[in-house]
Amino acid sequence: MTDMIRIATNAMSAEFSTLGAEMRVLRDEAGRDLLSDGPLAFWTGRAPFLFPIVGAVNCDSIHIDGAAYPMDKHGFARKSEFTVVDHQSDRATFRLEADTATRAHYPFDFRLDINFATAGATLTAEAVLTNLGDVALPASFGFHPAFRWPLPWGGDRADHRLVFAEHEPAPVRRIDTKTGLVLPDPRPTPIEGDTLAPRDDLFIEDALIFDRLNSRKVRFGVPGNRGLEVDFANMPLLGVWTKPGAPFLCIEPWQGLADPVGYDGDFRAKPYVVEVAPRAERRFAIAITLSA
């Protein structure tokens, strides 16, 4: 049975499930919901964590040091029960550690702590991956929050914009909708200057993947109204995704991405996979701010 953990300030509140350490609720000071409610017709996730892979892998398996291991899309953390190791009024820490079940898919001794904290109108989420073993641990990690679209602060769905901190002229990557793998040829970016106008037709071919980013911050909302800022200073990639017609937009900072079409190499050699040395740790973090 999963438990719900709440943290809050005067400006915001958030609730989390022990299943996947997933944020299930994010509200402003007036109690207005900012996170998807997981509509069954589209996607029931709200803000899962992607570990130890991001996206899909070829033939639903990863190869590590000559052996193959079954691995579902986005990994197993989002379907795992975490333990609450700290809970205060404005912060909480959830923990997942390797066991027999995880080693059948990922043969490493690890500890994954998810630290949430609220300060004013900002929620931070930091994942701390610790290698408890004696060999280097390869991993990817991703955030996947689904924000309401439209947000509750006024304006229609079509009025919303995703504004990047810098101009973003580079092409984007797209997904093979049959396999879930990354297509080899980049596509022209739909961003104009620093601004993306999200439209349903942009997501017929799944997510937009930005792998040549200048920005490490985006703002989502209706220009002139309140909005959400997402900071991801140490995450090199960004996915933006929804299903056409869905009442949410996912803003997903990643360290890693789906396999390229036809990839059959070792997981350690895959682009954007990081390796954590024995007894060392790696941190991944985002901050979500309810902006004026």
Protein backbone atom coordinates (compact mmCIF):
# COMPACT_ATOMS: atom_id res chain seq x y z
CA MET A 1 0.00 0.00 0.00
CA THR A 2 1.38 3.41 -0.94
CA ASP A 3 1.48 6.35 1.46
CA MET A 4 1.16 10.04 0.62
CA ILE A 5 3.64 12.57 1.98
CA ARG A 6 2.89 16.32 1.99
CA ILE A 7 5.26 19.29 2.19
CA ALA A 8 4.35 22.96 1.93
CA THR A 9 5.12 26.63 2.36
CA ASN A 10 2.72 29.56 2.37
CA ALA A 11 3.18 29.84 -1.39
CA MET A 12 2.83 26.22 -2.55
CA SER A 13 2.20 22.64 -1.51
CA ALA A 14 3.11 19.25 -2.94
CA GLU A 15 2.18 15.63 -2.22
CA PHE A 16 4.18 12.52 -3.08
CA SER A 17 3.53 8.80 -3.28
CA THR A 18 5.94 6.22 -1.94
CA LEU A 19 5.32 4.35 -5.21
CA GLY A 20 8.06 5.70 -7.43
CA ALA A 21 8.59 8.68 -5.07
CA GLU A 22 6.29 10.37 -7.58
CA MET A 23 4.88 13.83 -7.04
CA ARG A 24 1.13 13.42 -7.32
CA VAL A 25 -0.05 16.93 -6.43
CA LEU A 26 1.38 20.41 -6.88
CA ARG A 27 -0.73 23.41 -5.86
CA ASP A 28 -0.33 27.17 -5.56
CA GLU A 29 -1.15 29.25 -2.49
CA ALA A 30 -4.88 29.22 -3.35
CA GLY A 31 -4.99 25.42 -3.74
CA ARG A 32 -5.16 25.48 -7.56
CA ASP A 33 -3.81 22.33 -9.15
CA LEU A 34 -0.75 22.72 -11.38
CA LEU A 35 0.04 19.06 -12.06
CA SER A 36 -1.84 16.61 -14.26
CA ASP A 37 -4.46 14.48 -12.55
CA GLY A 38 -3.46 11.46 -14.66
CA PRO A 39 -6.40 11.19 -17.08
CA LEU A 40 -7.02 7.57 -18.05
CA ALA A 41 -7.74 8.47 -21.67
CA PHE A 42 -4.21 9.83 -22.19
CA TRP A 43 -1.53 8.99 -19.61
CA THR A 44 -1.85 8.19 -15.92
CA GLY A 45 1.61 9.41 -14.92
CA ARG A 46 2.04 12.71 -13.16
CA ALA A 47 5.75 13.18 -12.45
CA PRO A 48 7.62 9.86 -12.52
CA PHE A 49 11.38 9.47 -12.24
CA LEU A 50 13.18 7.72 -15.07
CA PHE A 51 15.93 5.37 -13.85
CA PRO A 52 18.20 3.64 -14.77
CA ILE A 53 17.23 4.44 -18.37
CA VAL A 54 15.38 7.23 -20.15
CA GLY A 55 12.99 6.24 -22.93
CA ALA A 56 12.91 2.89 -24.68
CA VAL A 57 15.76 0.50 -25.43
CA ASN A 58 16.22 -1.78 -28.40
CA CYS A 59 14.37 -5.10 -27.93
CA ASP A 60 13.48 -4.04 -24.37
CA SER A 61 16.90 -5.02 -23.02
CA ILE A 62 20.20 -3.42 -22.11
CA HIS A 63 23.62 -4.99 -22.60
CA ILE A 64 26.17 -4.62 -19.84
CA ASP A 65 29.61 -6.21 -19.94
CA GLY A 66 28.51 -8.93 -22.35
CA ALA A 67 25.19 -9.86 -20.69
CA ALA A 68 21.63 -8.81 -21.61
CA TYR A 69 19.10 -7.63 -19.03
CA PRO A 70 15.38 -7.00 -19.61
CA MET A 71 14.41 -3.35 -19.15
CA ASP A 72 11.04 -1.69 -19.62
CA LYS A 73 10.68 1.80 -21.04
CA HIS A 74 11.91 4.47 -18.59
CA GLY A 75 13.27 1.84 -16.19
CA PHE A 76 11.97 0.37 -12.96
CA ALA A 77 12.20 3.22 -10.42
CA ARG A 78 8.77 4.61 -11.31
CA LYS A 79 7.18 1.25 -10.46
CA SER A 80 9.22 0.62 -7.29
CA GLU A 81 8.22 1.23 -3.70
CA PHE A 82 10.46 3.79 -2.00
CA THR A 83 11.08 4.17 1.73
CA VAL A 84 10.57 7.53 3.44
CA VAL A 85 13.79 8.26 5.33
CA ASP A 86 13.05 11.89 6.27
CA HIS A 87 9.88 13.99 6.39
CA GLN A 88 9.53 17.52 7.71
CA SER A 89 6.97 20.21 6.98
CA ASP A 90 8.94 21.61 4.06
CA ARG A 91 11.05 18.65 2.88
CA ALA A 92 11.11 14.89 2.42
CA THR A 93 13.54 12.20 1.28
CA PHE A 94 12.59 8.92 -0.40
CA ARG A 95 15.02 5.99 -0.88
CA LEU A 96 15.31 3.02 -3.22
CA GLU A 97 18.11 0.47 -2.80
CA ALA A 98 19.18 -2.46 -4.92
CA ASP A 99 17.65 -5.83 -4.14
CA THR A 100 17.11 -9.17 -5.83
CA ALA A 101 14.33 -7.76 -8.03
CA THR A 102 16.38 -4.79 -9.31
CA ARG A 103 19.50 -6.89 -9.92
CA ALA A 104 17.57 -9.07 -12.37
CA HIS A 105 17.33 -5.97 -14.60
CA TYR A 106 20.33 -3.92 -13.50
CA PRO A 107 23.23 -5.83 -11.90
CA PHE A 108 24.52 -3.10 -9.59
CA ASP A 109 24.44 -2.20 -5.92
CA PHE A 110 23.03 1.31 -5.72
CA ARG A 111 21.15 3.70 -3.49
CA LEU A 112 18.82 6.28 -5.05
CA ASP A 113 17.67 9.08 -2.77
CA ILE A 114 15.06 11.58 -3.98
CA ASN A 115 15.15 14.81 -1.97
CA PHE A 116 12.23 17.22 -2.23
CA ALA A 117 12.25 20.65 -0.59
CA THR A 118 10.02 23.73 -0.69
CA ALA A 119 11.26 27.27 -0.11
CA GLY A 120 8.89 30.13 -0.83
CA ALA A 121 7.37 29.50 -4.27
CA THR A 122 10.05 26.99 -5.36
CA LEU A 123 10.07 23.21 -5.19
CA THR A 124 13.41 21.47 -5.72
CA ALA A 125 13.76 17.80 -6.61
CA GLU A 126 17.24 16.31 -6.33
CA ALA A 127 18.16 12.71 -7.06
CA VAL A 128 21.33 11.40 -5.46
CA LEU A 129 22.60 8.17 -7.02
CA THR A 130 25.25 6.39 -4.93
CA ASN A 131 27.32 3.47 -6.18
CA LEU A 132 27.60 1.02 -3.30
CA GLY A 133 29.46 -1.56 -5.38
CA ASP A 134 33.02 -2.19 -6.49
CA VAL A 135 32.63 -1.53 -10.25
CA ALA A 136 31.65 1.62 -12.14
CA LEU A 137 27.89 2.02 -12.35
CA PRO A 138 26.40 3.27 -15.65
CA ALA A 139 23.08 5.11 -15.49
CA SER A 140 20.71 7.56 -17.05
CA PHE A 141 18.19 9.64 -15.14
CA GLY A 142 15.23 11.77 -16.10
CA PHE A 143 12.47 13.96 -14.70
CA HIS A 144 8.98 13.74 -16.23
CA PRO A 145 6.56 16.26 -14.65
CA ALA A 146 3.25 16.72 -16.48
CA PHE A 147 1.91 20.24 -15.93
CA ARG A 148 -1.68 21.25 -16.52
CA TRP A 149 -2.35 22.68 -19.93
CA PRO A 150 -4.01 25.11 -19.61
CA LEU A 151 -2.66 26.29 -16.27
CA PRO A 152 -5.30 27.67 -13.85
CA TRP A 153 -4.16 31.31 -14.02
CA GLY A 154 -6.13 32.36 -17.09
CA GLY A 155 -5.85 31.97 -20.83
CA ASP A 156 -6.80 29.22 -23.21
CA ARG A 157 -4.69 26.18 -24.07
CA ALA A 158 -3.68 27.79 -27.38
CA ASP A 159 -2.40 30.90 -25.57
CA HIS A 160 0.33 29.03 -23.68
CA ARG A 161 3.99 29.31 -24.62
CA LEU A 162 7.18 27.56 -23.58
CA VAL A 163 9.87 30.25 -23.43
CA PHE A 164 13.52 29.22 -23.27
CA ALA A 165 16.18 31.25 -21.48
CA GLU A 166 18.22 31.50 -24.71
CA HIS A 167 17.52 31.32 -28.42
CA GLU A 168 17.40 27.71 -29.58
CA PRO A 169 18.10 27.40 -33.32
CA ALA A 170 19.47 23.85 -33.30
CA PRO A 171 17.46 20.99 -34.85
CA VAL A 172 15.58 18.51 -32.68
CA ARG A 173 15.46 14.73 -32.45
CA ARG A 174 12.30 12.72 -33.01
CA ILE A 175 11.10 9.25 -32.09
CA ASP A 176 10.26 6.30 -34.32
CA THR A 177 6.67 5.80 -33.19
CA LYS A 178 6.80 2.06 -33.96
CA THR A 179 9.82 1.28 -31.79
CA GLY A 180 10.13 4.23 -29.43
CA LEU A 181 13.76 4.66 -30.50
CA VAL A 182 15.50 7.86 -31.64
CA LEU A 183 15.54 8.46 -35.39
CA PRO A 184 18.94 9.17 -36.95
CA ASP A 185 18.13 12.35 -38.83
CA PRO A 186 17.46 15.60 -36.93
CA ARG A 187 14.45 17.76 -37.80
CA PRO A 188 14.12 21.56 -37.98
CA THR A 189 13.23 23.04 -34.62
CA PRO A 190 9.68 24.33 -34.08
CA ILE A 191 11.08 26.99 -31.74
CA GLU A 192 10.95 30.54 -33.09
CA GLY A 193 13.78 32.45 -31.44
CA ASP A 194 13.33 31.50 -27.79
CA THR A 195 9.63 30.56 -27.92
CA LEU A 196 7.78 27.33 -28.60
CA ALA A 197 4.03 27.50 -29.22
CA PRO A 198 2.90 23.99 -28.23
CA ARG A 199 0.31 22.51 -30.60
CA ASP A 200 -1.20 19.05 -30.75
CA ASP A 201 0.19 18.33 -34.22
CA LEU A 202 3.77 18.72 -32.90
CA PHE A 203 3.31 15.58 -30.82
CA ILE A 204 1.80 13.18 -33.32
CA GLU A 205 5.34 11.78 -33.64
CA ASP A 206 5.85 11.61 -29.87
CA ALA A 207 8.26 13.86 -27.95
CA LEU A 208 10.36 16.76 -29.10
CA ILE A 209 13.93 16.05 -27.97
CA PHE A 210 16.33 18.96 -27.56
CA ASP A 211 19.88 17.59 -27.46
CA ARG A 212 21.81 20.77 -28.40
CA LEU A 213 20.42 23.15 -25.84
CA ASN A 214 21.75 26.58 -25.00
CA SER A 215 19.19 27.02 -22.21
CA ARG A 216 18.96 25.46 -18.77
CA LYS A 217 15.69 27.18 -17.84
CA VAL A 218 12.23 27.39 -19.43
CA ARG A 219 9.02 29.20 -18.54
CA PHE A 220 5.59 27.73 -19.27
CA GLY A 221 2.40 29.74 -19.27
CA VAL A 222 0.45 32.51 -20.97
CA PRO A 223 2.59 35.58 -21.63
CA GLY A 224 1.59 38.32 -19.21
CA ASN A 225 0.09 35.85 -16.69
CA ARG A 226 1.64 33.82 -13.92
CA GLY A 227 3.63 30.82 -15.08
CA LEU A 228 5.90 27.97 -14.10
CA GLU A 229 9.68 28.14 -14.38
CA VAL A 230 11.67 24.92 -14.63
CA ASP A 231 15.42 25.16 -13.94
CA PHE A 232 17.67 22.23 -14.83
CA ALA A 233 21.23 23.49 -14.49
CA ASN A 234 22.97 20.09 -14.59
CA MET A 235 20.74 18.23 -17.06
CA PRO A 236 21.94 18.31 -20.70
CA LEU A 237 18.78 17.26 -22.54
CA LEU A 238 15.14 18.28 -22.58
CA GLY A 239 12.11 16.37 -23.74
CA VAL A 240 8.76 18.07 -24.32
CA TRP A 241 5.80 15.75 -24.74
CA THR A 242 2.07 15.31 -24.61
CA LYS A 243 -0.54 13.27 -26.41
CA PRO A 244 -2.65 15.25 -28.87
CA GLY A 245 -5.65 16.64 -27.02
CA ALA A 246 -4.32 15.82 -23.54
CA PRO A 247 -4.75 18.41 -20.76
CA PHE A 248 -1.05 18.42 -19.82
CA LEU A 249 2.40 19.26 -21.16
CA CYS A 250 5.43 17.34 -19.92
CA ILE A 251 8.66 19.32 -19.48
CA GLU A 252 11.35 16.68 -19.00
CA PRO A 253 15.00 17.41 -18.20
CA TRP A 254 17.07 14.30 -18.95
CA GLN A 255 20.52 12.82 -18.53
CA GLY A 256 20.06 10.21 -21.25
CA LEU A 257 17.60 9.34 -23.97
CA ALA A 258 16.13 6.38 -25.82
CA ASP A 259 18.37 4.10 -27.86
CA PRO A 260 19.12 5.23 -31.39
CA VAL A 261 17.33 3.07 -33.97
CA GLY A 262 19.32 -0.15 -34.38
CA TYR A 263 21.58 0.40 -31.35
CA ASP A 264 23.06 -2.87 -30.08
CA GLY A 265 26.08 -1.62 -28.12
CA ASP A 266 26.92 -1.78 -24.44
CA PHE A 267 24.86 0.42 -22.15
CA ARG A 268 28.06 2.00 -20.84
CA ALA A 269 28.89 3.31 -24.34
CA LYS A 270 25.48 4.80 -25.08
CA PRO A 271 25.34 8.58 -25.56
CA TYR A 272 24.62 10.58 -22.38
CA VAL A 273 24.98 7.60 -20.04
CA VAL A 274 27.10 8.61 -17.04
CA GLU A 275 29.27 6.33 -14.95
CA VAL A 276 29.50 6.61 -11.18
CA ALA A 277 32.73 5.35 -9.65
CA PRO A 278 32.65 2.86 -6.76
CA ARG A 279 31.62 4.55 -3.48
CA ALA A 280 30.93 7.81 -5.34
CA GLU A 281 27.67 9.62 -6.10
CA ARG A 282 26.05 11.61 -8.89
CA ARG A 283 23.37 14.28 -8.44
CA PHE A 284 20.55 15.28 -10.79
CA ALA A 285 18.27 18.20 -9.94
CA ILE A 286 15.50 20.48 -11.10
CA ALA A 287 13.67 23.41 -9.53
CA ILE A 288 10.06 24.35 -10.23
CA THR A 289 9.09 27.92 -9.38
CA LEU A 290 5.63 29.50 -9.47
CA SER A 291 6.63 32.76 -11.09
CA ALA A 292 4.85 36.10 -10.90
